[in-house]
Amino acid sequence: MRAVADMPIETARSVTTLFADIDDTLTTDGRLPAAAYAALEALSEAGVSVAPITGRPAGWCDMIARMWPVAGVVGENGAFYFSYHASDRRMRRVFATPDQQRAENRQRLERVRARILAEVPGAAISADQHYREADLAIDFCEDVPPLGAGEVDRIKRIFEEEGAVAKVSSIHVNGWFGSYDKLTMTRRFAIDVLGLDIDGAKDRIVFVGDSPNDAPMFSFFPNACGVANVLKFLGRIDAEPAYVASAEGGQGFVEVAERILAARSGRAAA
């Protein structure tokens, strides 16, 4: 990984689209700093299409799509995208699986839920579970005392033993039934909403993230960036970003945004 400050000016100047995780990427210690939100707004006003790509639930994503300066949001690790059209006051909601399949999958996840709570002391259901459409989120450090790496790995294995996909974020282990992930729904969102083929445009797209569930995005986008806390997952992440910020969380995101904005405005030093 190279420092974000070493991203070539021509690379930063060519960025037209920025995707970013939320927890511990846009946020710091669980809160969204004003500087990170301002960076989202500045990118949007500069003509960069922005979309959060998150593991957070549908309820949160509805609000984000409506109220944040973004083109839309991919939620629950790729279960859906939401995009709000302010001109006609219409929310576009696209899911990876149909309603009936999601309902059946939620029933299957109840067995997984019971196993995890019985077999991993200290694990808890995420406080935002009530607002989810497609996955089960197990909290290992957000609102509970932090669990060790062994316990987190055990939660992931239980999901997989039950036939579910499982991804580890900085705060949750998320599990679901289905073949989607952050990248597959990002591809669909980009085509539908941005009119963008990410396979042909990936050199002009930056993804910013921080944890193992961002690995598909880090692997796909050649100019992906990590905030500094991604370094905590070295050796436990399937793919690393090309660049890493010097700061953690929201301030690290601001660092990435500033590099892009400065290059576009001609303020960046080579």
Protein backbone atom coordinates (compact mmCIF):
# COMPACT_ATOMS: atom_id res chain seq x y z
CA MET A 1 0.00 0.00 0.00
CA ARG A 2 1.18 3.50 -0.89
CA ALA A 3 0.28 6.69 0.94
CA VAL A 4 -2.76 8.58 -0.36
CA ALA A 5 -0.46 11.57 -0.74
CA ASP A 6 1.45 9.54 -3.33
CA MET A 7 -1.57 9.00 -5.57
CA PRO A 8 -0.48 10.48 -8.92
CA ILE A 9 -2.05 13.83 -9.74
CA GLU A 10 -3.32 12.55 -13.07
CA THR A 11 -4.98 9.60 -11.33
CA ALA A 12 -6.68 11.78 -8.74
CA ARG A 13 -7.74 14.33 -11.37
CA SER A 14 -9.40 11.63 -13.50
CA VAL A 15 -11.70 10.38 -10.70
CA THR A 16 -15.37 10.75 -11.64
CA THR A 17 -16.95 8.46 -9.04
CA LEU A 18 -16.27 7.71 -5.39
CA PHE A 19 -17.73 4.83 -3.41
CA ALA A 20 -17.14 4.58 0.34
CA ASP A 21 -17.93 2.35 3.27
CA ILE A 22 -19.56 4.09 6.24
CA ASP A 23 -18.57 2.56 9.58
CA ASP A 24 -15.02 3.50 10.57
CA THR A 25 -14.46 4.91 7.07
CA LEU A 26 -16.78 7.92 7.05
CA THR A 27 -17.31 7.71 10.79
CA THR A 28 -14.92 8.04 13.71
CA ASP A 29 -15.75 6.31 16.99
CA GLY A 30 -19.26 5.69 15.75
CA ARG A 31 -20.03 9.30 14.81
CA LEU A 32 -20.06 11.09 11.45
CA PRO A 33 -17.68 14.07 11.70
CA ALA A 34 -18.78 17.32 10.13
CA ALA A 35 -15.59 17.32 8.04
CA ALA A 36 -16.44 13.93 6.49
CA TYR A 37 -19.97 15.03 5.61
CA ALA A 38 -18.61 18.27 4.18
CA ALA A 39 -16.18 16.26 2.06
CA LEU A 40 -19.08 14.25 0.63
CA GLU A 41 -20.85 17.48 -0.25
CA ALA A 42 -17.73 19.04 -1.74
CA LEU A 43 -17.13 15.99 -3.94
CA SER A 44 -20.72 16.03 -5.16
CA GLU A 45 -20.59 19.76 -5.91
CA ALA A 46 -17.34 19.21 -7.81
CA GLY A 47 -19.10 16.78 -10.13
CA VAL A 48 -17.91 13.52 -8.55
CA SER A 49 -20.70 10.96 -8.19
CA VAL A 50 -20.70 9.68 -4.61
CA ALA A 51 -22.38 6.64 -3.07
CA PRO A 52 -21.91 4.88 0.29
CA ILE A 53 -21.44 1.10 -0.01
CA THR A 54 -22.28 -0.23 3.44
CA GLY A 55 -23.33 -3.13 5.59
CA ARG A 56 -25.84 -0.93 7.39
CA PRO A 57 -29.58 -1.69 7.23
CA ALA A 58 -32.34 -0.69 4.85
CA GLY A 59 -33.86 1.70 7.39
CA TRP A 60 -30.65 3.69 7.61
CA CYS A 61 -30.11 3.57 3.87
CA ASP A 62 -33.55 5.05 3.13
CA MET A 63 -32.60 8.12 5.19
CA ILE A 64 -29.10 8.33 3.68
CA ALA A 65 -30.41 8.18 0.12
CA ARG A 66 -32.95 10.92 0.89
CA MET A 67 -30.87 13.31 2.96
CA TRP A 68 -27.18 12.95 2.22
CA PRO A 69 -25.46 14.59 -0.79
CA VAL A 70 -25.14 11.24 -2.59
CA ALA A 71 -26.41 9.64 -5.79
CA GLY A 72 -27.65 6.62 -3.85
CA VAL A 73 -26.53 3.95 -1.41
CA VAL A 74 -25.81 0.21 -1.55
CA GLY A 75 -26.80 -1.43 1.73
CA GLU A 76 -26.61 -4.66 3.72
CA ASN A 77 -23.42 -5.67 1.91
CA GLY A 78 -25.06 -5.66 -1.51
CA ALA A 79 -28.62 -6.79 -0.73
CA PHE A 80 -30.05 -3.68 -2.41
CA TYR A 81 -29.50 -0.16 -3.61
CA PHE A 82 -31.68 2.87 -2.90
CA SER A 83 -31.56 6.06 -4.94
CA TYR A 84 -33.79 9.07 -4.30
CA HIS A 85 -35.00 11.22 -7.18
CA ALA A 86 -35.73 14.58 -5.56
CA SER A 87 -37.28 16.11 -8.68
CA ASP A 88 -40.21 13.68 -8.63
CA ARG A 89 -39.96 12.69 -4.96
CA ARG A 90 -39.47 9.03 -5.75
CA MET A 91 -37.28 6.45 -4.05
CA ARG A 92 -35.90 3.74 -6.30
CA ARG A 93 -35.40 0.48 -4.39
CA VAL A 94 -33.75 -2.46 -6.15
CA PHE A 95 -33.07 -5.76 -4.33
CA ALA A 96 -30.76 -8.63 -5.23
CA THR A 97 -33.43 -11.21 -4.35
CA PRO A 98 -37.25 -11.05 -4.63
CA ASP A 99 -39.54 -10.39 -1.65
CA GLN A 100 -40.59 -14.01 -1.14
CA GLN A 101 -37.01 -15.27 -1.22
CA ARG A 102 -35.93 -12.67 1.31
CA ALA A 103 -38.75 -13.72 3.64
CA GLU A 104 -37.70 -17.37 3.38
CA ASN A 105 -34.07 -16.46 3.95
CA ARG A 106 -34.95 -14.53 7.10
CA GLN A 107 -36.57 -17.68 8.48
CA ARG A 108 -33.41 -19.66 7.71
CA LEU A 109 -31.33 -17.02 9.50
CA GLU A 110 -33.29 -17.63 12.70
CA ARG A 111 -31.51 -20.97 13.10
CA VAL A 112 -28.15 -19.28 12.60
CA ARG A 113 -29.08 -16.61 15.12
CA ALA A 114 -29.91 -19.22 17.75
CA ARG A 115 -26.66 -21.12 17.20
CA ILE A 116 -24.46 -18.05 17.42
CA LEU A 117 -26.04 -16.76 20.63
CA ALA A 118 -25.78 -20.23 22.17
CA GLU A 119 -22.23 -20.99 21.06
CA VAL A 120 -20.44 -17.64 21.25
CA PRO A 121 -20.77 -16.01 24.67
CA GLY A 122 -20.70 -12.23 24.49
CA ALA A 123 -22.02 -12.02 20.93
CA ALA A 124 -25.25 -10.09 20.44
CA ILE A 125 -27.73 -9.25 17.73
CA SER A 126 -26.97 -5.82 16.30
CA ALA A 127 -29.14 -3.01 17.61
CA ASP A 128 -30.05 -2.12 14.02
CA GLN A 129 -31.35 -5.63 13.17
CA HIS A 130 -35.00 -4.52 13.26
CA TYR A 131 -34.34 -2.28 10.26
CA ARG A 132 -32.77 -4.97 8.08
CA GLU A 133 -34.31 -6.59 5.01
CA ALA A 134 -31.94 -9.40 4.07
CA ASP A 135 -29.15 -10.20 6.52
CA LEU A 136 -28.35 -11.01 10.12
CA ALA A 137 -25.85 -8.71 11.84
CA ILE A 138 -23.96 -9.99 14.87
CA ASP A 139 -22.42 -7.30 17.04
CA PHE A 140 -18.93 -8.08 18.34
CA CYS A 141 -17.82 -4.64 19.49
CA GLU A 142 -20.26 -1.82 18.67
CA ASP A 143 -22.59 -2.05 21.70
CA VAL A 144 -20.98 -5.00 23.48
CA PRO A 145 -17.55 -5.52 25.07
CA PRO A 146 -15.16 -6.39 22.21
CA LEU A 147 -14.80 -10.07 21.41
CA GLY A 148 -11.47 -11.60 20.48
CA ALA A 149 -10.45 -12.59 16.96
CA GLY A 150 -11.17 -16.25 17.76
CA GLU A 151 -14.76 -15.51 18.73
CA VAL A 152 -15.26 -13.36 15.62
CA ASP A 153 -13.91 -16.17 13.45
CA ARG A 154 -16.23 -18.63 15.21
CA ILE A 155 -19.27 -16.46 14.39
CA LYS A 156 -18.21 -16.39 10.74
CA ARG A 157 -17.74 -20.18 10.68
CA ILE A 158 -21.22 -20.80 12.10
CA PHE A 159 -22.77 -18.74 9.32
CA GLU A 160 -20.78 -20.71 6.75
CA GLU A 161 -21.60 -24.08 8.34
CA GLU A 162 -25.28 -23.18 7.90
CA GLY A 163 -24.74 -22.40 4.20
CA ALA A 164 -24.75 -18.62 4.52
CA VAL A 165 -22.29 -16.06 3.20
CA ALA A 166 -20.52 -14.21 6.03
CA LYS A 167 -18.44 -11.04 5.99
CA VAL A 168 -16.59 -9.34 8.83
CA SER A 169 -16.78 -5.57 9.17
CA SER A 170 -15.12 -3.42 11.82
CA ILE A 171 -18.12 -3.88 14.17
CA HIS A 172 -20.32 -6.74 12.93
CA VAL A 173 -20.28 -10.14 11.30
CA ASN A 174 -22.98 -9.99 8.64
CA GLY A 175 -24.47 -13.16 7.19
CA TRP A 176 -26.99 -13.82 4.43
CA PHE A 177 -28.21 -16.37 1.91
CA GLY A 178 -27.48 -15.35 -1.67
CA SER A 179 -24.65 -14.89 -4.16
CA TYR A 180 -24.39 -11.10 -3.96
CA ASP A 181 -21.83 -8.87 -2.26
CA LYS A 182 -20.90 -5.20 -2.21
CA LEU A 183 -19.32 -5.35 -5.65
CA THR A 184 -22.18 -7.09 -7.47
CA MET A 185 -24.78 -4.55 -6.33
CA THR A 186 -22.40 -1.63 -6.88
CA ARG A 187 -22.08 -2.78 -10.49
CA ARG A 188 -25.87 -2.82 -10.86
CA PHE A 189 -26.31 0.55 -9.14
CA ALA A 190 -23.66 2.15 -11.34
CA ILE A 191 -25.35 0.97 -14.54
CA ASP A 192 -28.91 1.82 -13.46
CA VAL A 193 -28.34 5.14 -11.71
CA LEU A 194 -25.04 6.54 -12.96
CA GLY A 195 -25.11 5.06 -16.48
CA LEU A 196 -21.63 3.76 -15.75
CA ASP A 197 -19.99 0.44 -16.61
CA ILE A 198 -17.57 -0.01 -13.73
CA ASP A 199 -15.65 -2.72 -15.60
CA GLY A 200 -14.64 -0.20 -18.23
CA ALA A 201 -14.36 2.79 -15.90
CA LYS A 202 -12.71 1.31 -12.81
CA ASP A 203 -9.53 3.35 -13.30
CA ARG A 204 -11.64 6.49 -12.80
CA ILE A 205 -13.39 5.21 -9.68
CA VAL A 206 -12.09 5.29 -6.11
CA PHE A 207 -13.46 3.10 -3.36
CA VAL A 208 -12.62 3.96 0.25
CA GLY A 209 -12.96 1.34 3.00
CA ASP A 210 -11.51 -0.04 6.19
CA SER A 211 -12.24 -3.72 6.87
CA PRO A 212 -12.39 -7.31 5.55
CA ASN A 213 -15.88 -7.00 4.05
CA ASP A 214 -14.44 -4.35 1.72
CA ALA A 215 -12.02 -6.83 0.17
CA PRO A 216 -14.06 -7.40 -3.04
CA MET A 217 -13.99 -3.66 -3.65
CA PHE A 218 -10.29 -3.31 -2.80
CA SER A 219 -9.50 -6.13 -5.21
CA PHE A 220 -11.58 -4.77 -8.09
CA PHE A 221 -10.73 -1.06 -8.06
CA PRO A 222 -7.05 -0.42 -8.84
CA ASN A 223 -7.09 2.96 -7.05
CA ALA A 224 -8.97 1.83 -3.95
CA CYS A 225 -7.99 3.58 -0.72
CA GLY A 226 -8.07 2.48 2.89
CA VAL A 227 -8.32 4.72 5.91
CA ALA A 228 -5.47 4.05 8.34
CA ASN A 229 -7.45 1.63 10.52
CA VAL A 230 -7.43 -0.89 7.67
CA LEU A 231 -3.90 -1.67 8.83
CA LYS A 232 -5.40 -3.42 11.87
CA PHE A 233 -6.67 -6.15 9.56
CA LEU A 234 -3.41 -6.98 7.80
CA GLY A 235 -3.20 -10.73 7.48
CA ARG A 236 -6.96 -11.12 7.95
CA ILE A 237 -8.17 -9.42 4.77
CA ASP A 238 -8.38 -11.08 1.36
CA ALA A 239 -7.30 -7.99 -0.62
CA GLU A 240 -5.63 -4.73 0.35
CA PRO A 241 -6.25 -1.25 -1.08
CA ALA A 242 -3.69 0.36 -3.34
CA TYR A 243 -3.43 3.44 -1.11
CA VAL A 244 -3.80 4.10 2.60
CA ALA A 245 -4.51 7.36 4.42
CA SER A 246 -2.40 8.56 7.32
CA ALA A 247 -5.49 9.16 9.49
CA GLU A 248 -8.20 6.80 10.68
CA GLY A 249 -11.94 6.94 10.11
CA GLY A 250 -13.58 10.14 8.95
CA GLN A 251 -10.35 12.12 8.90
CA GLY A 252 -8.79 9.49 6.68
CA PHE A 253 -11.75 9.81 4.30
CA VAL A 254 -11.29 13.58 4.25
CA GLU A 255 -7.65 12.99 3.29
CA VAL A 256 -8.72 10.94 0.27
CA ALA A 257 -11.38 13.47 -0.73
CA GLU A 258 -8.92 16.35 -0.44
CA ARG A 259 -6.44 14.60 -2.71
CA ILE A 260 -9.11 14.23 -5.40
CA LEU A 261 -10.52 17.73 -4.98
CA ALA A 262 -7.10 19.36 -4.98
CA ALA A 263 -6.12 17.54 -8.16
CA ARG A 264 -9.34 18.54 -9.89
CA SER A 265 -8.86 22.17 -8.93
CA GLY A 266 -5.14 22.25 -9.77
CA ARG A 267 -4.11 22.83 -6.13
CA ALA A 268 -2.32 19.49 -5.63
CA ALA A 269 1.44 19.25 -5.70
CA ALA A 270 2.90 16.51 -7.88
